[in-house]
Amino acid sequence: MVVEMMFKESIKPSCPTPYHLRTYRLSLLDQLMPSAHVPMIFFYSPINTDSNHMNIVGERLERLKQSLSETLTIFYPFAGTIKDGLYIDCNDNGVQYVEAKVSCCLSEIISNPDILMIRKLLPSNICRLVSSDAGIPVAMIQVNILKCGGIVIGTQTSHKIIDGPTSTTFLKAWAASARGSGEVPRPSFIAPLLFPQNNLLPRDTMLAIWPSLLKFGKCVTSRFVFHASAIATLKAKASSSSVVPNPTSVESVSAFIWICFTTASRIRYGSRRPSVLSHIVNLRGKTATSLPEHSIGNLLWIATAQCDAEVNLELQSLVGLLRKSIMETSGEFVEELQGERGFQKVLKCLTDMC
């Protein structure tokens, strides 16, 4: 697969950001996030197979750029640059936008996905932890035109302000604007008010903490496909009237993978060892006042389930441990993170993690 860059430009907001909104202060929870750009890729089939399909693709590309510019007006921090890990300079520099031509068809990519090749569909490869975030763009986008007329959109967005739900809100707004129909989600920028940043928190906090949570070394990226019937079977096995009566798909599959890893560890080391399983939990909707669904920023926390070596490795038991860890990120927990006392709560949680 050959990916040839056609051109690169900066897509700026369709309307200038007002002066009083030019500085966007990050929240306390944003401060905890490393300066890593997170990749996402979206595949779109060609509209038709007519010989005129490239003209249609050209129209779609223009609509994508125009709608992106309009969307950035309401998501104005995304067109800025990160400064000192504490704020975003909403300078309307724009989103780095690349258009590229790909030498194959969508069916070839989907039928035999190659992780290393697919990375070529992403913009500038800065998906890594870095120790400095001064002047780093918030978002980058690469639109790839396939030989068949299909389109692949690759994005890299900074985790310093954009978590999963934030990315979803932005992409939904962009899609609605591009279609010219449907309700465009309106972002809420309330997070820095509820979780005020604290200058006492050391810069690059997570860079110091990650080594205690993760071991870096040789790794292999693998892809596992669970069909609906397999997931239904796991959910039935994981169900327990006394522990977790209605396990979710995520809980059931996660617990199954946990068992597999633990079993592999026992075979390698000769005995069972304690293990943990962590999940990212969305904090939106956890409190009585409820953070708005479209709140922008890192409104998430890590829920960690721990399994001692003596615990019976049954699907029901591990699902119960996982559910318990997620339930601990309750509305009361979220409220403890808010306001001036939130800093002390964060410090305690970070100490417990290490």
Protein backbone atom coordinates (compact mmCIF):
# COMPACT_ATOMS: atom_id res chain seq x y z
CA MET A 1 0.00 0.00 0.00
CA VAL A 2 1.48 3.30 -1.16
CA VAL A 3 0.25 6.49 0.49
CA GLU A 4 1.17 9.67 -1.39
CA MET A 5 0.61 13.03 0.29
CA MET A 6 -1.12 15.44 -2.10
CA PHE A 7 -1.06 18.59 0.03
CA LYS A 8 -1.12 19.87 3.59
CA GLU A 9 -2.75 22.97 5.05
CA SER A 10 -4.15 24.38 8.27
CA ILE A 11 -7.93 24.49 8.56
CA LYS A 12 -8.87 27.47 10.69
CA PRO A 13 -12.20 28.27 12.41
CA SER A 14 -14.69 29.92 10.06
CA CYS A 15 -15.07 32.75 12.59
CA PRO A 16 -12.24 34.21 14.71
CA THR A 17 -12.23 33.21 18.38
CA PRO A 18 -13.25 36.19 20.57
CA TYR A 19 -10.42 37.77 22.55
CA HIS A 20 -11.88 36.79 25.94
CA LEU A 21 -11.81 33.12 24.91
CA ARG A 22 -8.24 33.13 23.65
CA THR A 23 -6.84 31.38 26.74
CA TYR A 24 -8.41 28.07 27.74
CA ARG A 25 -7.19 26.87 31.12
CA LEU A 26 -6.94 23.11 31.47
CA SER A 27 -8.64 21.35 34.38
CA LEU A 28 -6.97 19.46 37.21
CA LEU A 29 -7.84 16.19 35.48
CA ASP A 30 -6.35 17.48 32.22
CA GLN A 31 -3.12 18.20 34.09
CA LEU A 32 -2.80 14.51 34.90
CA MET A 33 -2.80 13.47 31.26
CA PRO A 34 0.44 13.02 29.32
CA SER A 35 1.10 14.88 26.10
CA ALA A 36 0.22 11.94 23.89
CA HIS A 37 -1.74 12.10 20.65
CA VAL A 38 -4.32 9.33 20.32
CA PRO A 39 -4.96 7.84 16.85
CA MET A 40 -8.36 6.96 15.40
CA ILE A 41 -9.21 5.78 11.88
CA PHE A 42 -12.62 5.79 10.15
CA PHE A 43 -13.39 3.92 6.93
CA TYR A 44 -16.05 5.05 4.44
CA SER A 45 -17.19 3.04 1.42
CA PRO A 46 -17.43 4.71 -2.00
CA ILE A 47 -20.84 6.14 -2.84
CA ASN A 48 -20.90 4.38 -6.22
CA THR A 49 -18.58 2.73 -8.71
CA ASP A 50 -19.20 5.04 -11.69
CA SER A 51 -16.22 6.36 -13.63
CA ASN A 52 -17.25 9.80 -12.39
CA HIS A 53 -16.59 8.86 -8.78
CA MET A 54 -13.50 11.11 -8.46
CA ASN A 55 -15.64 14.19 -9.12
CA ILE A 56 -17.95 13.08 -6.32
CA VAL A 57 -14.94 12.51 -4.06
CA GLY A 58 -13.72 16.02 -4.84
CA GLU A 59 -17.06 17.49 -3.77
CA ARG A 60 -16.99 15.46 -0.55
CA LEU A 61 -13.47 16.67 0.25
CA GLU A 62 -14.48 20.30 -0.14
CA ARG A 63 -17.50 19.71 2.08
CA LEU A 64 -15.29 18.05 4.70
CA LYS A 65 -12.93 21.03 4.83
CA GLN A 66 -15.70 23.62 4.95
CA SER A 67 -17.62 21.77 7.66
CA LEU A 68 -14.44 21.23 9.68
CA SER A 69 -13.82 24.98 9.63
CA GLU A 70 -17.38 25.62 10.83
CA THR A 71 -17.07 22.97 13.56
CA LEU A 72 -13.82 24.48 14.86
CA THR A 73 -15.66 27.72 15.56
CA ILE A 74 -17.57 26.06 18.41
CA PHE A 75 -14.70 23.71 19.35
CA TYR A 76 -12.25 26.62 19.29
CA PRO A 77 -9.58 25.13 21.64
CA PHE A 78 -9.01 22.35 19.09
CA ALA A 79 -7.61 24.91 16.64
CA GLY A 80 -5.04 26.14 19.16
CA THR A 81 -1.76 24.96 20.64
CA ILE A 82 -0.94 23.56 24.07
CA LYS A 83 1.27 25.75 26.27
CA ASP A 84 3.16 24.60 29.38
CA GLY A 85 0.67 21.85 30.16
CA LEU A 86 -1.59 24.41 31.85
CA TYR A 87 -3.55 26.10 29.10
CA ILE A 88 -4.35 26.14 25.40
CA ASP A 89 -3.54 29.20 23.35
CA CYS A 90 -6.70 29.49 21.25
CA ASN A 91 -4.82 31.32 18.52
CA ASP A 92 -6.83 29.96 15.59
CA ASN A 93 -3.68 28.45 14.10
CA GLY A 94 -5.97 25.69 12.95
CA VAL A 95 -5.96 21.93 12.62
CA GLN A 96 -3.22 20.33 10.56
CA TYR A 97 -5.07 18.87 7.57
CA VAL A 98 -3.52 16.48 5.06
CA GLU A 99 -4.99 14.93 1.92
CA ALA A 100 -3.34 11.79 0.59
CA LYS A 101 -3.86 9.33 -2.26
CA VAL A 102 -3.79 5.58 -1.51
CA SER A 103 -2.91 2.94 -4.11
CA CYS A 104 -5.43 0.30 -3.02
CA CYS A 105 -9.15 -0.20 -2.42
CA LEU A 106 -11.06 -0.35 0.85
CA SER A 107 -11.76 -4.08 0.49
CA GLU A 108 -8.02 -4.83 0.40
CA ILE A 109 -7.43 -2.97 3.68
CA ILE A 110 -10.40 -4.44 5.51
CA SER A 111 -9.93 -8.05 4.38
CA ASN A 112 -6.35 -8.25 5.61
CA PRO A 113 -5.62 -5.42 8.06
CA ASP A 114 -1.92 -4.77 8.66
CA ILE A 115 -1.29 -2.54 11.68
CA LEU A 116 2.02 -1.20 10.36
CA MET A 117 0.51 -0.34 6.98
CA ILE A 118 -2.61 1.19 8.50
CA ARG A 119 -0.46 3.65 10.44
CA LYS A 120 0.33 5.31 7.11
CA LEU A 121 -3.28 6.50 7.07
CA LEU A 122 -2.64 8.68 10.12
CA PRO A 123 -1.23 12.21 10.14
CA SER A 124 2.24 13.01 11.51
CA ASN A 125 3.25 10.11 13.74
CA ILE A 126 3.62 11.75 17.16
CA CYS A 127 1.54 9.19 19.04
CA ARG A 128 3.95 8.94 21.95
CA LEU A 129 4.62 10.31 25.41
CA VAL A 130 6.67 13.49 25.30
CA SER A 131 8.22 15.49 28.11
CA SER A 132 7.29 18.88 26.73
CA ASP A 133 3.98 20.09 25.38
CA ALA A 134 4.84 23.69 24.55
CA GLY A 135 3.39 24.64 21.18
CA ILE A 136 1.98 21.21 20.36
CA PRO A 137 -1.10 21.27 18.08
CA VAL A 138 -4.27 19.89 19.63
CA ALA A 139 -5.53 18.01 16.58
CA MET A 140 -4.30 16.68 13.24
CA ILE A 141 -6.36 15.07 10.47
CA GLN A 142 -5.44 13.08 7.36
CA VAL A 143 -8.05 12.36 4.68
CA ASN A 144 -7.03 9.45 2.45
CA ILE A 145 -8.62 8.94 -0.97
CA LEU A 146 -8.67 5.29 -2.00
CA LYS A 147 -8.42 3.97 -5.55
CA CYS A 148 -12.04 2.79 -5.41
CA GLY A 149 -13.34 6.20 -4.34
CA GLY A 150 -13.66 5.30 -0.68
CA ILE A 151 -12.32 7.61 1.99
CA VAL A 152 -10.35 6.90 5.14
CA ILE A 153 -10.09 9.63 7.79
CA GLY A 154 -7.25 9.36 10.28
CA THR A 155 -7.09 11.64 13.32
CA GLN A 156 -4.49 12.34 16.00
CA THR A 157 -5.87 14.29 18.97
CA SER A 158 -4.07 15.39 22.11
CA HIS A 159 -5.07 13.55 25.29
CA LYS A 160 -4.18 16.74 27.15
CA ILE A 161 -7.76 17.93 26.53
CA ILE A 162 -9.48 15.29 24.38
CA ASP A 163 -10.65 12.03 25.94
CA GLY A 164 -12.80 9.41 24.18
CA PRO A 165 -16.22 11.04 24.74
CA THR A 166 -14.78 14.46 23.82
CA SER A 167 -13.49 13.03 20.54
CA THR A 168 -16.89 11.45 19.88
CA THR A 169 -18.68 14.76 20.48
CA PHE A 170 -16.34 16.59 18.11
CA LEU A 171 -16.66 13.97 15.37
CA LYS A 172 -20.46 13.90 15.68
CA ALA A 173 -20.55 17.68 15.32
CA TRP A 174 -18.26 17.58 12.28
CA ALA A 175 -20.34 14.81 10.68
CA ALA A 176 -23.62 16.67 11.27
CA SER A 177 -22.15 19.83 9.77
CA ALA A 178 -20.80 17.93 6.75
CA ARG A 179 -24.21 16.32 6.12
CA GLY A 180 -25.99 19.61 6.56
CA SER A 181 -28.61 17.84 8.62
CA GLY A 182 -29.10 16.64 12.15
CA GLU A 183 -28.45 18.33 15.46
CA VAL A 184 -24.89 19.56 16.00
CA PRO A 185 -23.74 18.72 19.57
CA ARG A 186 -22.83 21.84 21.52
CA PRO A 187 -19.73 21.41 23.68
CA SER A 188 -19.67 22.39 27.35
CA PHE A 189 -16.47 23.92 28.74
CA ILE A 190 -17.43 23.63 32.42
CA ALA A 191 -14.69 21.16 33.47
CA PRO A 192 -12.01 23.75 34.44
CA LEU A 193 -14.56 25.44 36.73
CA LEU A 194 -15.53 22.20 38.50
CA PHE A 195 -11.99 20.81 38.63
CA PRO A 196 -9.73 23.89 38.93
CA GLN A 197 -6.11 23.30 38.03
CA ASN A 198 -3.42 23.48 40.70
CA ASN A 199 0.05 24.85 40.00
CA LEU A 200 1.47 22.71 42.83
CA LEU A 201 0.93 19.61 40.72
CA PRO A 202 4.31 18.90 39.10
CA ARG A 203 4.51 19.16 35.35
CA ASP A 204 4.70 15.85 33.51
CA THR A 205 3.13 14.14 36.54
CA MET A 206 1.95 11.16 34.54
CA LEU A 207 5.35 10.72 32.89
CA ALA A 208 6.73 10.09 36.37
CA ILE A 209 3.87 7.76 37.31
CA TRP A 210 3.59 5.67 34.12
CA PRO A 211 6.76 3.60 34.80
CA SER A 212 5.20 2.34 38.04
CA LEU A 213 2.02 1.37 36.18
CA LEU A 214 3.43 0.08 32.91
CA LYS A 215 6.51 -1.80 31.80
CA PHE A 216 7.85 -0.73 28.44
CA GLY A 217 9.63 -3.28 26.28
CA LYS A 218 9.10 -5.45 23.25
CA CYS A 219 5.42 -5.70 22.45
CA VAL A 220 3.24 -7.08 19.72
CA THR A 221 -0.08 -5.62 18.62
CA SER A 222 -2.70 -8.31 18.04
CA ARG A 223 -6.29 -8.20 16.88
CA PHE A 224 -8.94 -10.48 18.37
CA VAL A 225 -12.47 -10.62 16.99
CA PHE A 226 -15.32 -11.71 19.29
CA HIS A 227 -18.48 -12.50 17.35
CA ALA A 228 -21.87 -11.69 18.84
CA SER A 229 -22.61 -15.33 19.63
CA ALA A 230 -19.33 -15.71 21.55
CA ILE A 231 -20.03 -12.57 23.56
CA ALA A 232 -23.54 -13.79 24.37
CA THR A 233 -22.08 -17.07 25.64
CA LEU A 234 -19.56 -15.25 27.85
CA LYS A 235 -22.29 -13.01 29.28
CA ALA A 236 -24.40 -16.05 30.13
CA LYS A 237 -21.46 -17.74 31.89
CA ALA A 238 -20.56 -14.53 33.74
CA SER A 239 -24.09 -13.89 34.99
CA SER A 240 -24.67 -14.44 38.69
CA SER A 241 -27.79 -13.56 40.64
CA SER A 242 -25.76 -12.96 43.80
CA VAL A 243 -22.75 -11.09 42.35
CA VAL A 244 -23.48 -9.48 38.97
CA PRO A 245 -26.94 -10.37 37.61
CA ASN A 246 -26.54 -8.53 34.31
CA PRO A 247 -22.90 -8.36 33.22
CA THR A 248 -22.12 -6.08 30.30
CA SER A 249 -20.27 -7.18 27.18
CA VAL A 250 -17.19 -5.23 28.27
CA GLU A 251 -17.20 -6.81 31.73
CA SER A 252 -17.63 -10.34 30.36
CA VAL A 253 -14.98 -10.11 27.64
CA SER A 254 -12.54 -8.26 29.92
CA ALA A 255 -12.86 -10.90 32.64
CA PHE A 256 -12.33 -13.66 30.06
CA ILE A 257 -9.13 -11.99 28.78
CA TRP A 258 -8.03 -11.51 32.40
CA ILE A 259 -8.36 -15.26 32.98
CA CYS A 260 -6.32 -15.98 29.84
CA PHE A 261 -3.50 -13.64 30.88
CA THR A 262 -3.44 -15.01 34.42
CA THR A 263 -3.34 -18.58 33.15
CA ALA A 264 -0.48 -17.74 30.76
CA SER A 265 1.41 -16.08 33.62
CA ARG A 266 1.00 -19.19 35.81
CA ILE A 267 2.34 -21.41 33.03
CA ARG A 268 5.35 -19.14 32.54
CA TYR A 269 6.26 -18.57 36.18
CA GLY A 270 5.07 -21.85 37.67
CA SER A 271 2.57 -20.38 40.12
CA ARG A 272 -0.30 -17.93 40.35
CA ARG A 273 0.63 -14.31 41.02
CA PRO A 274 -1.56 -11.35 42.03
CA SER A 275 -2.90 -9.42 39.05
CA VAL A 276 -4.84 -6.26 38.32
CA LEU A 277 -7.17 -5.16 35.55
CA SER A 278 -7.74 -1.47 34.88
CA HIS A 279 -10.50 0.25 32.93
CA ILE A 280 -11.02 3.88 32.02
CA VAL A 281 -14.33 5.12 33.45
CA ASN A 282 -16.31 8.05 32.06
CA LEU A 283 -17.22 10.43 34.91
CA ARG A 284 -19.98 12.19 32.97
CA GLY A 285 -23.42 11.52 34.43
CA LYS A 286 -22.03 10.17 37.71
CA THR A 287 -23.18 13.01 39.98
CA ALA A 288 -26.61 14.31 40.95
CA THR A 289 -25.89 17.56 39.09
CA SER A 290 -24.41 15.48 36.22
CA LEU A 291 -21.62 16.74 34.05
CA PRO A 292 -23.18 17.50 30.65
CA GLU A 293 -22.85 14.68 28.15
CA HIS A 294 -20.86 16.89 25.80
CA SER A 295 -18.45 18.24 28.43
CA ILE A 296 -15.01 18.81 26.93
CA GLY A 297 -11.84 17.59 28.62
CA ASN A 298 -10.50 14.56 30.46
CA LEU A 299 -13.50 13.61 32.57
CA LEU A 300 -12.33 10.10 33.29
CA TRP A 301 -10.68 8.00 35.96
CA ILE A 302 -8.91 4.64 36.22
CA ALA A 303 -10.88 1.86 37.92
CA THR A 304 -8.54 -0.93 39.03
CA ALA A 305 -9.70 -4.40 40.04
CA GLN A 306 -7.24 -6.56 41.98
CA CYS A 307 -7.17 -10.36 42.06
CA ASP A 308 -5.08 -12.09 44.73
CA ALA A 309 -3.31 -15.33 43.92
CA GLU A 310 -5.75 -17.27 46.11
CA VAL A 311 -8.90 -16.06 44.35
CA ASN A 312 -10.69 -18.69 42.28
CA LEU A 313 -10.31 -17.91 38.57
CA GLU A 314 -13.97 -18.11 37.62
CA LEU A 315 -15.60 -15.75 35.17
CA GLN A 316 -18.32 -14.77 37.66
CA SER A 317 -15.79 -13.92 40.38
CA LEU A 318 -13.64 -11.71 38.15
CA VAL A 319 -16.68 -9.93 36.73
CA GLY A 320 -17.70 -9.20 40.31
CA LEU A 321 -14.27 -7.71 41.11
CA LEU A 322 -14.41 -5.63 37.94
CA ARG A 323 -17.94 -4.35 38.64
CA LYS A 324 -16.93 -3.42 42.22
CA SER A 325 -13.96 -1.35 41.01
CA ILE A 326 -16.11 0.54 38.52
CA MET A 327 -18.83 1.23 41.11
CA GLU A 328 -16.21 2.89 43.33
CA THR A 329 -16.03 5.77 40.84
CA SER A 330 -19.45 6.87 42.09
CA GLY A 331 -21.06 10.28 42.17
CA GLU A 332 -19.63 10.80 45.66
CA PHE A 333 -16.13 10.10 44.33
CA VAL A 334 -16.58 12.61 41.49
CA GLU A 335 -17.77 15.27 43.93
CA GLU A 336 -14.65 14.70 46.05
CA LEU A 337 -12.55 15.54 43.00
CA GLN A 338 -14.26 18.92 42.56
CA GLY A 339 -13.29 22.31 43.94
CA GLU A 340 -10.26 23.11 46.05
CA ARG A 341 -10.35 19.79 47.91
CA GLY A 342 -10.03 17.93 44.63
CA PHE A 343 -6.26 18.42 44.59
CA GLN A 344 -5.81 16.55 47.88
CA LYS A 345 -8.08 13.74 46.66
CA VAL A 346 -6.05 13.41 43.48
CA LEU A 347 -2.78 13.28 45.42
CA LYS A 348 -4.15 10.52 47.64
CA CYS A 349 -5.34 8.50 44.65
CA LEU A 350 -2.00 8.90 42.87
CA THR A 351 -0.16 7.78 46.00
CA ASP A 352 -2.38 4.69 46.22
CA MET A 353 -1.70 3.87 42.56
CA CYS A 354 2.04 3.92 43.07
